[in-house]
N, C-alpha and C. Protein backbone atom coordinates (compact mmCIF):
# COMPACT_ATOMS: atom_id res chain seq x y z
N MET A 1 -47.13 108.24 -11.83
CA MET A 1 -46.72 109.48 -12.45
C MET A 1 -45.53 110.04 -11.70
N LYS A 2 -44.67 110.71 -12.42
CA LYS A 2 -43.48 111.34 -11.85
C LYS A 2 -43.18 112.59 -12.67
N LEU A 3 -42.67 113.60 -12.00
CA LEU A 3 -42.27 114.82 -12.69
C LEU A 3 -40.86 114.64 -13.23
N ASN A 4 -40.61 115.09 -14.44
CA ASN A 4 -39.27 115.05 -15.02
C ASN A 4 -38.61 116.40 -14.86
N PHE A 5 -37.37 116.39 -14.39
CA PHE A 5 -36.64 117.63 -14.16
C PHE A 5 -35.40 117.70 -15.04
N LYS A 6 -35.07 118.90 -15.46
CA LYS A 6 -33.78 119.22 -16.07
C LYS A 6 -33.16 120.21 -15.10
N GLY A 7 -32.18 119.75 -14.33
CA GLY A 7 -31.70 120.56 -13.22
C GLY A 7 -32.82 120.62 -12.19
N THR A 8 -33.22 121.83 -11.82
CA THR A 8 -34.33 121.98 -10.86
C THR A 8 -35.60 122.48 -11.55
N ARG A 9 -35.62 122.49 -12.87
CA ARG A 9 -36.80 122.92 -13.63
C ARG A 9 -37.58 121.70 -14.10
N CYS A 10 -38.88 121.69 -13.81
CA CYS A 10 -39.75 120.61 -14.27
C CYS A 10 -40.01 120.82 -15.76
N VAL A 11 -39.71 119.79 -16.56
CA VAL A 11 -39.82 119.92 -18.01
C VAL A 11 -40.84 118.95 -18.61
N GLY A 12 -41.49 118.15 -17.77
CA GLY A 12 -42.49 117.22 -18.27
C GLY A 12 -42.88 116.21 -17.21
N VAL A 13 -43.60 115.20 -17.64
CA VAL A 13 -44.06 114.17 -16.71
C VAL A 13 -43.81 112.79 -17.30
N LYS A 14 -43.68 111.83 -16.41
CA LYS A 14 -43.54 110.42 -16.78
C LYS A 14 -44.81 109.74 -16.28
N ILE A 15 -45.49 109.04 -17.18
CA ILE A 15 -46.72 108.35 -16.80
C ILE A 15 -46.63 106.89 -17.19
N MET A 16 -47.49 106.08 -16.58
CA MET A 16 -47.60 104.69 -16.97
C MET A 16 -49.02 104.47 -17.48
N THR A 17 -49.11 103.99 -18.69
CA THR A 17 -50.42 103.71 -19.27
C THR A 17 -50.36 102.36 -19.99
N ASP A 18 -51.31 101.52 -19.71
CA ASP A 18 -51.34 100.17 -20.29
C ASP A 18 -50.03 99.42 -20.08
N GLY A 19 -49.41 99.61 -18.91
CA GLY A 19 -48.19 98.91 -18.57
C GLY A 19 -46.93 99.47 -19.22
N THR A 20 -47.07 100.57 -19.94
CA THR A 20 -45.93 101.19 -20.62
C THR A 20 -45.64 102.55 -20.01
N VAL A 21 -44.36 102.81 -19.72
CA VAL A 21 -43.95 104.11 -19.18
C VAL A 21 -43.71 105.05 -20.36
N LYS A 22 -44.31 106.25 -20.28
CA LYS A 22 -44.16 107.25 -21.34
C LYS A 22 -43.74 108.58 -20.74
N ASP A 23 -42.84 109.28 -21.44
CA ASP A 23 -42.44 110.63 -21.06
C ASP A 23 -43.20 111.62 -21.92
N ILE A 24 -43.78 112.62 -21.27
CA ILE A 24 -44.49 113.68 -21.99
C ILE A 24 -43.78 114.99 -21.66
N ALA A 25 -43.23 115.62 -22.68
CA ALA A 25 -42.50 116.88 -22.50
C ALA A 25 -43.47 118.05 -22.51
N ALA A 26 -43.18 119.04 -21.68
CA ALA A 26 -44.00 120.25 -21.64
C ALA A 26 -43.50 121.23 -22.69
N ASP A 27 -44.42 121.90 -23.38
CA ASP A 27 -44.03 122.94 -24.33
C ASP A 27 -43.57 124.19 -23.61
N GLN A 28 -44.22 124.53 -22.47
CA GLN A 28 -43.87 125.75 -21.76
C GLN A 28 -43.67 125.52 -20.27
N GLU A 29 -44.69 125.00 -19.60
CA GLU A 29 -44.59 124.82 -18.16
C GLU A 29 -45.44 123.63 -17.72
N VAL A 30 -45.16 123.15 -16.53
CA VAL A 30 -45.93 122.08 -15.93
C VAL A 30 -46.65 122.67 -14.73
N ILE A 31 -47.95 122.49 -14.68
CA ILE A 31 -48.75 122.95 -13.54
C ILE A 31 -49.15 121.71 -12.75
N LEU A 32 -48.74 121.66 -11.50
CA LEU A 32 -49.04 120.52 -10.63
C LEU A 32 -50.28 120.87 -9.82
N ALA A 33 -51.35 120.15 -10.08
CA ALA A 33 -52.62 120.38 -9.37
C ALA A 33 -53.21 119.02 -9.03
N ALA A 34 -52.56 118.33 -8.09
CA ALA A 34 -52.97 116.98 -7.75
C ALA A 34 -53.59 116.89 -6.35
N GLY A 35 -53.87 118.03 -5.74
CA GLY A 35 -54.49 118.02 -4.43
C GLY A 35 -53.49 118.12 -3.29
N ALA A 36 -54.04 118.27 -2.10
CA ALA A 36 -53.23 118.53 -0.91
C ALA A 36 -52.32 117.36 -0.51
N ILE A 37 -52.69 116.16 -0.85
CA ILE A 37 -51.88 115.00 -0.50
C ILE A 37 -51.04 114.54 -1.70
N ASN A 38 -51.65 114.47 -2.87
CA ASN A 38 -50.94 113.94 -4.03
C ASN A 38 -49.90 114.89 -4.61
N SER A 39 -50.09 116.21 -4.48
CA SER A 39 -49.07 117.14 -4.99
C SER A 39 -47.74 116.96 -4.26
N PRO A 40 -47.72 116.98 -2.91
CA PRO A 40 -46.44 116.72 -2.23
C PRO A 40 -45.90 115.32 -2.52
N LYS A 41 -46.79 114.36 -2.66
CA LYS A 41 -46.37 112.98 -2.95
C LYS A 41 -45.65 112.95 -4.30
N LEU A 42 -46.22 113.58 -5.32
CA LEU A 42 -45.58 113.60 -6.64
C LEU A 42 -44.25 114.34 -6.61
N LEU A 43 -44.21 115.45 -5.88
CA LEU A 43 -42.95 116.18 -5.75
C LEU A 43 -41.89 115.29 -5.11
N MET A 44 -42.27 114.61 -4.04
CA MET A 44 -41.31 113.75 -3.34
C MET A 44 -40.88 112.57 -4.19
N LEU A 45 -41.82 111.90 -4.87
CA LEU A 45 -41.47 110.79 -5.76
C LEU A 45 -40.52 111.23 -6.85
N SER A 46 -40.62 112.52 -7.20
CA SER A 46 -39.81 113.08 -8.28
C SER A 46 -38.49 113.64 -7.80
N GLY A 47 -38.26 113.64 -6.48
CA GLY A 47 -36.98 114.08 -5.94
C GLY A 47 -36.95 115.48 -5.38
N ALA A 48 -38.10 116.09 -5.19
CA ALA A 48 -38.17 117.43 -4.60
C ALA A 48 -38.77 117.31 -3.20
N GLY A 49 -37.98 117.65 -2.19
CA GLY A 49 -38.44 117.53 -0.82
C GLY A 49 -37.27 117.55 0.13
N GLU A 50 -37.51 117.09 1.34
CA GLU A 50 -36.43 117.02 2.34
C GLU A 50 -35.45 115.92 1.92
N ALA A 51 -34.22 116.32 1.64
CA ALA A 51 -33.22 115.40 1.10
C ALA A 51 -33.05 114.14 1.94
N LYS A 52 -32.96 114.29 3.25
CA LYS A 52 -32.73 113.13 4.13
C LYS A 52 -33.88 112.13 4.01
N ALA A 53 -35.11 112.63 4.00
CA ALA A 53 -36.27 111.75 3.89
C ALA A 53 -36.30 111.05 2.53
N LEU A 54 -35.99 111.80 1.46
CA LEU A 54 -36.00 111.21 0.13
C LEU A 54 -34.94 110.12 0.01
N ARG A 55 -33.75 110.41 0.49
CA ARG A 55 -32.67 109.41 0.42
C ARG A 55 -33.03 108.15 1.22
N SER A 56 -33.70 108.34 2.36
CA SER A 56 -34.07 107.17 3.17
C SER A 56 -35.08 106.28 2.44
N LEU A 57 -35.79 106.86 1.47
CA LEU A 57 -36.75 106.09 0.67
C LEU A 57 -36.12 105.60 -0.64
N GLY A 58 -34.84 105.91 -0.84
CA GLY A 58 -34.16 105.49 -2.06
C GLY A 58 -34.47 106.36 -3.26
N ILE A 59 -34.92 107.59 -3.02
CA ILE A 59 -35.27 108.52 -4.09
C ILE A 59 -34.12 109.50 -4.29
N ASP A 60 -33.66 109.65 -5.53
CA ASP A 60 -32.61 110.61 -5.85
C ASP A 60 -33.13 112.03 -5.65
N VAL A 61 -32.32 112.87 -5.02
CA VAL A 61 -32.73 114.25 -4.71
C VAL A 61 -32.46 115.15 -5.92
N VAL A 62 -33.51 115.83 -6.37
CA VAL A 62 -33.40 116.82 -7.44
C VAL A 62 -33.22 118.20 -6.82
N GLU A 63 -34.02 118.48 -5.79
CA GLU A 63 -33.92 119.78 -5.10
C GLU A 63 -34.35 119.62 -3.66
N GLU A 64 -33.55 120.19 -2.77
CA GLU A 64 -33.86 120.21 -1.33
C GLU A 64 -34.97 121.22 -1.10
N LEU A 65 -36.16 120.73 -0.73
CA LEU A 65 -37.31 121.58 -0.40
C LEU A 65 -37.90 121.06 0.91
N PRO A 66 -37.35 121.49 2.04
CA PRO A 66 -37.75 120.93 3.33
C PRO A 66 -39.24 121.01 3.65
N GLY A 67 -39.97 121.96 3.11
CA GLY A 67 -41.38 122.11 3.44
C GLY A 67 -42.29 121.09 2.76
N VAL A 68 -41.81 120.42 1.73
CA VAL A 68 -42.65 119.47 1.00
C VAL A 68 -42.86 118.22 1.84
N GLY A 69 -44.12 117.94 2.17
CA GLY A 69 -44.45 116.77 2.97
C GLY A 69 -43.95 116.85 4.40
N ALA A 70 -43.65 118.07 4.87
CA ALA A 70 -43.09 118.25 6.21
C ALA A 70 -43.97 117.64 7.27
N SER A 71 -43.36 116.88 8.12
CA SER A 71 -44.03 116.23 9.26
C SER A 71 -45.16 115.31 8.83
N GLY A 72 -45.16 114.91 7.58
CA GLY A 72 -46.22 114.02 7.11
C GLY A 72 -47.57 114.67 7.11
N ARG A 73 -47.62 116.00 7.06
CA ARG A 73 -48.90 116.70 7.07
C ARG A 73 -49.16 117.34 5.72
N SER A 74 -50.40 117.28 5.32
CA SER A 74 -50.79 117.93 4.08
C SER A 74 -51.27 119.35 4.39
N ALA A 75 -51.58 120.10 3.35
CA ALA A 75 -52.02 121.48 3.52
C ALA A 75 -53.33 121.58 4.30
N ASN A 76 -54.16 120.54 4.26
CA ASN A 76 -55.43 120.59 4.99
C ASN A 76 -55.31 120.07 6.42
N GLY A 77 -54.09 119.74 6.85
CA GLY A 77 -53.87 119.33 8.23
C GLY A 77 -53.97 117.84 8.48
N SER A 78 -54.37 117.06 7.47
CA SER A 78 -54.44 115.62 7.68
C SER A 78 -53.03 115.05 7.69
N THR A 79 -52.87 113.91 8.34
CA THR A 79 -51.54 113.31 8.42
C THR A 79 -51.38 112.22 7.37
N ILE A 80 -50.13 111.96 7.01
CA ILE A 80 -49.81 110.87 6.10
C ILE A 80 -49.22 109.76 6.96
N SER A 81 -49.85 108.60 6.93
CA SER A 81 -49.46 107.50 7.82
C SER A 81 -48.15 106.86 7.38
N PRO A 82 -47.47 106.17 8.31
CA PRO A 82 -46.27 105.42 7.94
C PRO A 82 -46.54 104.42 6.82
N LYS A 83 -47.74 103.82 6.81
CA LYS A 83 -48.10 102.88 5.74
C LYS A 83 -48.09 103.60 4.39
N ALA A 84 -48.62 104.83 4.37
CA ALA A 84 -48.62 105.60 3.12
C ALA A 84 -47.20 105.97 2.71
N CYS A 85 -46.34 106.26 3.66
CA CYS A 85 -44.94 106.57 3.34
C CYS A 85 -44.25 105.36 2.73
N ASN A 86 -44.54 104.16 3.24
CA ASN A 86 -43.98 102.95 2.67
C ASN A 86 -44.51 102.73 1.26
N ALA A 87 -45.79 103.02 1.05
CA ALA A 87 -46.38 102.90 -0.29
C ALA A 87 -45.72 103.90 -1.23
N LEU A 88 -45.40 105.08 -0.72
CA LEU A 88 -44.71 106.09 -1.51
C LEU A 88 -43.37 105.54 -1.99
N ALA A 89 -42.64 104.91 -1.11
CA ALA A 89 -41.35 104.34 -1.49
C ALA A 89 -41.53 103.22 -2.50
N ASP A 90 -42.53 102.36 -2.29
CA ASP A 90 -42.79 101.27 -3.22
C ASP A 90 -43.17 101.79 -4.59
N GLU A 91 -44.02 102.81 -4.63
CA GLU A 91 -44.46 103.39 -5.90
C GLU A 91 -43.28 104.05 -6.61
N GLY A 92 -42.41 104.66 -5.84
CA GLY A 92 -41.25 105.31 -6.42
C GLY A 92 -40.36 104.33 -7.17
N GLU A 93 -40.32 103.09 -6.72
CA GLU A 93 -39.52 102.06 -7.38
C GLU A 93 -39.93 101.89 -8.84
N ALA A 94 -41.21 101.97 -9.12
CA ALA A 94 -41.69 101.74 -10.49
C ALA A 94 -41.24 102.83 -11.44
N TYR A 95 -40.91 104.00 -10.94
CA TYR A 95 -40.60 105.13 -11.80
C TYR A 95 -39.15 105.55 -11.76
N HIS A 96 -38.28 104.81 -11.15
CA HIS A 96 -36.86 105.17 -11.06
C HIS A 96 -36.06 104.53 -12.19
N HIS A 97 -36.50 104.74 -13.41
CA HIS A 97 -35.79 104.17 -14.57
C HIS A 97 -35.43 105.27 -15.52
């Protein structure tokens, strides 16, 4: 899954179902409620986060938001391992079309 942006406004989501990528447009707004780890992950995969970190993963920057995924820590204080960061980059490859 990836968030779709028009400028810096989220206008829908991109999902993969049965091996097919589909775009779903929002009628009004997108509410991101994927939990303490997956919400920052989705934001980062979608290009919202610390620009330097996103670029190092090959992700196009939509908006510089330094607090997203800061220090690899989630809101509950758990850490995101380097292995998870590599998986984030690998997963991002599938949705950069």
